Amino acid sequence: MSITVDLTPDQEKRLRRRARAARMAPADYVRDLILRQPDAVRPTIPMSNAEFFAYWEANDALGAFADGPDSPELARQLRQAAARRDW
């Protein structure tokens, strides 16, 4: 089956960049994205903690903020920004 999708020049550029980073042809990259999302049309809702963690892990959400400041440091930064009113 073939599907044609019209992309803006910026969208095409992003697709090609991501495909190149994955060392794949753009069409193979898109196919891989679709195959990794079998429930994209009708997602299932995780019900248990184990299902939530499995869902997060499958969608690369675990550790997404690992490179950010820890909670106390983030809270301190937000308080300081609020005091300066530069947010």
N, C-alpha and C. Protein backbone atom coordinates (compact mmCIF):
# COMPACT_ATOMS: atom_id res chain seq x y z
N MET A 1 0.84 -1.17 0.00
CA MET A 1 0.00 0.00 0.00
C MET A 1 0.89 1.24 0.00
N SER A 2 0.53 2.22 -0.76
CA SER A 2 1.25 3.48 -0.80
C SER A 2 0.32 4.61 -0.38
N ILE A 3 0.86 5.53 0.39
CA ILE A 3 0.11 6.70 0.84
C ILE A 3 0.96 7.93 0.55
N THR A 4 0.35 8.95 0.02
CA THR A 4 1.05 10.20 -0.22
C THR A 4 0.65 11.21 0.84
N VAL A 5 1.64 11.82 1.45
CA VAL A 5 1.39 12.82 2.49
C VAL A 5 2.07 14.10 2.06
N ASP A 6 1.32 15.19 2.03
CA ASP A 6 1.90 16.49 1.71
C ASP A 6 2.49 17.10 2.97
N LEU A 7 3.77 17.44 2.91
CA LEU A 7 4.46 18.06 4.03
C LEU A 7 4.92 19.45 3.63
N THR A 8 4.98 20.33 4.61
CA THR A 8 5.56 21.64 4.35
C THR A 8 7.07 21.43 4.17
N PRO A 9 7.75 22.38 3.58
CA PRO A 9 9.21 22.25 3.44
C PRO A 9 9.90 22.04 4.80
N ASP A 10 9.42 22.74 5.84
CA ASP A 10 10.01 22.57 7.16
C ASP A 10 9.77 21.16 7.70
N GLN A 11 8.56 20.63 7.51
CA GLN A 11 8.26 19.28 7.98
C GLN A 11 9.11 18.25 7.23
N GLU A 12 9.28 18.45 5.94
CA GLU A 12 10.10 17.52 5.17
C GLU A 12 11.56 17.57 5.64
N LYS A 13 12.05 18.76 5.92
CA LYS A 13 13.42 18.93 6.40
C LYS A 13 13.60 18.20 7.73
N ARG A 14 12.63 18.35 8.66
CA ARG A 14 12.70 17.67 9.95
C ARG A 14 12.64 16.16 9.77
N LEU A 15 11.77 15.68 8.89
CA LEU A 15 11.67 14.25 8.63
C LEU A 15 12.99 13.71 8.11
N ARG A 16 13.56 14.38 7.12
CA ARG A 16 14.83 13.92 6.55
C ARG A 16 15.95 13.95 7.59
N ARG A 17 15.98 14.97 8.43
CA ARG A 17 17.01 15.07 9.47
C ARG A 17 16.88 13.91 10.47
N ARG A 18 15.65 13.62 10.89
CA ARG A 18 15.44 12.54 11.86
C ARG A 18 15.72 11.18 11.22
N ALA A 19 15.34 11.00 9.98
CA ALA A 19 15.62 9.74 9.29
C ALA A 19 17.13 9.55 9.14
N ARG A 20 17.83 10.62 8.79
CA ARG A 20 19.29 10.54 8.64
C ARG A 20 19.94 10.20 9.98
N ALA A 21 19.44 10.80 11.06
CA ALA A 21 19.99 10.52 12.39
C ALA A 21 19.76 9.06 12.77
N ALA A 22 18.66 8.48 12.30
CA ALA A 22 18.36 7.07 12.57
C ALA A 22 19.02 6.16 11.54
N ARG A 23 19.74 6.76 10.57
CA ARG A 23 20.42 6.03 9.50
C ARG A 23 19.42 5.19 8.69
N MET A 24 18.31 5.86 8.35
CA MET A 24 17.25 5.20 7.59
C MET A 24 16.81 6.11 6.45
N ALA A 25 16.23 5.49 5.44
CA ALA A 25 15.58 6.26 4.38
C ALA A 25 14.31 6.88 4.97
N PRO A 26 13.90 8.05 4.50
CA PRO A 26 12.70 8.68 5.07
C PRO A 26 11.47 7.77 5.06
N ALA A 27 11.24 7.05 3.97
CA ALA A 27 10.07 6.16 3.92
C ALA A 27 10.17 5.05 4.97
N ASP A 28 11.37 4.49 5.15
CA ASP A 28 11.56 3.44 6.15
C ASP A 28 11.38 4.00 7.56
N TYR A 29 11.84 5.24 7.77
CA TYR A 29 11.69 5.88 9.07
C TYR A 29 10.21 6.06 9.41
N VAL A 30 9.43 6.55 8.45
CA VAL A 30 7.99 6.74 8.68
C VAL A 30 7.31 5.40 8.94
N ARG A 31 7.67 4.39 8.16
CA ARG A 31 7.09 3.05 8.34
C ARG A 31 7.40 2.54 9.75
N ASP A 32 8.65 2.75 10.20
CA ASP A 32 9.04 2.31 11.53
C ASP A 32 8.24 3.04 12.61
N LEU A 33 8.03 4.34 12.42
CA LEU A 33 7.22 5.10 13.38
C LEU A 33 5.81 4.53 13.48
N ILE A 34 5.23 4.22 12.34
CA ILE A 34 3.87 3.67 12.32
C ILE A 34 3.83 2.30 12.99
N LEU A 35 4.81 1.46 12.69
CA LEU A 35 4.82 0.11 13.25
C LEU A 35 5.04 0.13 14.76
N ARG A 36 5.73 1.16 15.26
CA ARG A 36 5.93 1.25 16.72
C ARG A 36 4.70 1.79 17.43
N GLN A 37 3.70 2.26 16.70
CA GLN A 37 2.49 2.83 17.29
C GLN A 37 1.25 2.06 16.81
N PRO A 38 1.14 0.78 17.14
CA PRO A 38 0.02 0.01 16.61
C PRO A 38 -1.34 0.50 17.08
N ASP A 39 -1.40 1.16 18.23
CA ASP A 39 -2.68 1.63 18.76
C ASP A 39 -2.84 3.13 18.59
N ALA A 40 -2.14 3.72 17.60
CA ALA A 40 -2.18 5.17 17.43
C ALA A 40 -3.58 5.68 17.13
N VAL A 41 -4.39 4.90 16.44
CA VAL A 41 -5.74 5.34 16.10
C VAL A 41 -6.64 5.29 17.32
N ARG A 42 -6.51 4.26 18.12
CA ARG A 42 -7.34 4.09 19.31
C ARG A 42 -6.45 3.61 20.45
N PRO A 43 -5.76 4.55 21.12
CA PRO A 43 -4.83 4.13 22.17
C PRO A 43 -5.55 3.49 23.35
N THR A 44 -4.88 2.54 23.96
CA THR A 44 -5.43 1.93 25.17
C THR A 44 -5.00 2.75 26.36
N ILE A 45 -5.81 2.75 27.39
CA ILE A 45 -5.51 3.52 28.59
C ILE A 45 -4.96 2.54 29.63
N PRO A 46 -3.71 2.74 30.06
CA PRO A 46 -3.16 1.85 31.09
C PRO A 46 -3.98 1.95 32.36
N MET A 47 -4.16 0.82 33.03
CA MET A 47 -4.99 0.81 34.22
C MET A 47 -4.18 0.60 35.50
N SER A 48 -3.13 -0.19 35.46
CA SER A 48 -2.36 -0.46 36.67
C SER A 48 -1.04 0.31 36.62
N ASN A 49 -0.36 0.37 37.76
CA ASN A 49 0.95 1.03 37.79
C ASN A 49 1.92 0.37 36.83
N ALA A 50 1.90 -0.95 36.77
CA ALA A 50 2.79 -1.67 35.87
C ALA A 50 2.49 -1.31 34.42
N GLU A 51 1.22 -1.16 34.07
CA GLU A 51 0.85 -0.77 32.71
C GLU A 51 1.30 0.66 32.41
N PHE A 52 1.18 1.55 33.40
CA PHE A 52 1.64 2.92 33.20
C PHE A 52 3.14 2.95 32.93
N PHE A 53 3.92 2.24 33.75
CA PHE A 53 5.37 2.23 33.55
C PHE A 53 5.73 1.59 32.22
N ALA A 54 5.04 0.53 31.83
CA ALA A 54 5.31 -0.10 30.53
C ALA A 54 4.99 0.87 29.39
N TYR A 55 3.90 1.61 29.53
CA TYR A 55 3.52 2.60 28.52
C TYR A 55 4.57 3.70 28.43
N TRP A 56 4.99 4.23 29.58
CA TRP A 56 6.00 5.28 29.60
C TRP A 56 7.31 4.78 28.99
N GLU A 57 7.69 3.56 29.36
CA GLU A 57 8.94 2.99 28.84
C GLU A 57 8.85 2.81 27.33
N ALA A 58 7.73 2.30 26.84
CA ALA A 58 7.56 2.08 25.40
C ALA A 58 7.57 3.39 24.61
N ASN A 59 7.20 4.48 25.26
CA ASN A 59 7.15 5.78 24.59
C ASN A 59 8.30 6.69 24.99
N ASP A 60 9.37 6.10 25.51
CA ASP A 60 10.59 6.84 25.88
C ASP A 60 10.32 8.00 26.82
N ALA A 61 9.37 7.84 27.75
CA ALA A 61 9.05 8.92 28.68
C ALA A 61 9.80 8.77 30.00
N LEU A 62 10.26 7.57 30.33
CA LEU A 62 10.99 7.39 31.57
C LEU A 62 12.34 8.09 31.47
N GLY A 63 12.66 8.88 32.45
CA GLY A 63 13.93 9.59 32.45
C GLY A 63 13.96 10.80 31.54
N ALA A 64 12.80 11.23 31.06
CA ALA A 64 12.75 12.35 30.13
C ALA A 64 13.30 13.63 30.73
N PHE A 65 13.22 13.77 32.04
CA PHE A 65 13.69 14.98 32.70
C PHE A 65 14.97 14.74 33.49
N ALA A 66 15.67 13.66 33.18
CA ALA A 66 16.87 13.32 33.92
C ALA A 66 17.96 14.37 33.80
N ASP A 67 17.97 15.09 32.69
CA ASP A 67 19.02 16.09 32.49
C ASP A 67 18.64 17.46 33.05
N GLY A 68 17.47 17.58 33.64
CA GLY A 68 17.03 18.85 34.21
C GLY A 68 17.42 18.95 35.67
N PRO A 69 17.17 20.10 36.28
CA PRO A 69 17.51 20.27 37.69
C PRO A 69 16.61 19.40 38.56
N ASP A 70 17.12 19.03 39.74
CA ASP A 70 16.29 18.25 40.64
C ASP A 70 15.18 19.14 41.20
N SER A 71 14.21 18.53 41.83
CA SER A 71 13.03 19.27 42.29
C SER A 71 13.35 20.43 43.22
N PRO A 72 14.18 20.25 44.26
CA PRO A 72 14.48 21.40 45.13
C PRO A 72 15.18 22.53 44.37
N GLU A 73 16.10 22.17 43.48
CA GLU A 73 16.80 23.19 42.70
C GLU A 73 15.84 23.91 41.76
N LEU A 74 14.95 23.17 41.11
CA LEU A 74 13.96 23.78 40.22
C LEU A 74 13.05 24.72 41.00
N ALA A 75 12.60 24.28 42.18
CA ALA A 75 11.73 25.12 43.01
C ALA A 75 12.46 26.41 43.39
N ARG A 76 13.75 26.29 43.75
CA ARG A 76 14.55 27.47 44.10
C ARG A 76 14.64 28.43 42.92
N GLN A 77 14.90 27.89 41.73
CA GLN A 77 15.00 28.73 40.53
C GLN A 77 13.69 29.44 40.24
N LEU A 78 12.58 28.72 40.40
CA LEU A 78 11.27 29.33 40.14
C LEU A 78 10.96 30.44 41.14
N ARG A 79 11.31 30.20 42.42
CA ARG A 79 11.09 31.23 43.44
C ARG A 79 11.92 32.48 43.15
N GLN A 80 13.18 32.26 42.76
CA GLN A 80 14.05 33.40 42.45
C GLN A 80 13.53 34.17 41.23
N ALA A 81 13.08 33.45 40.20
CA ALA A 81 12.53 34.11 39.01
C ALA A 81 11.27 34.90 39.38
N ALA A 82 10.43 34.32 40.25
CA ALA A 82 9.22 35.02 40.66
C ALA A 82 9.56 36.28 41.44
N ALA A 83 10.59 36.19 42.27
CA ALA A 83 11.00 37.36 43.05
C ALA A 83 11.51 38.47 42.13
N ARG A 84 12.18 38.08 41.05
CA ARG A 84 12.68 39.07 40.09
C ARG A 84 11.60 39.47 39.09
N ARG A 85 10.54 38.68 39.07
CA ARG A 85 9.43 38.88 38.13
C ARG A 85 9.90 38.87 36.68
N ASP A 86 10.87 37.98 36.39
CA ASP A 86 11.36 37.88 35.01
C ASP A 86 10.86 36.63 34.30
N TRP A 87 9.77 36.13 34.75
CA TRP A 87 9.17 34.96 34.08
C TRP A 87 7.92 35.38 33.48
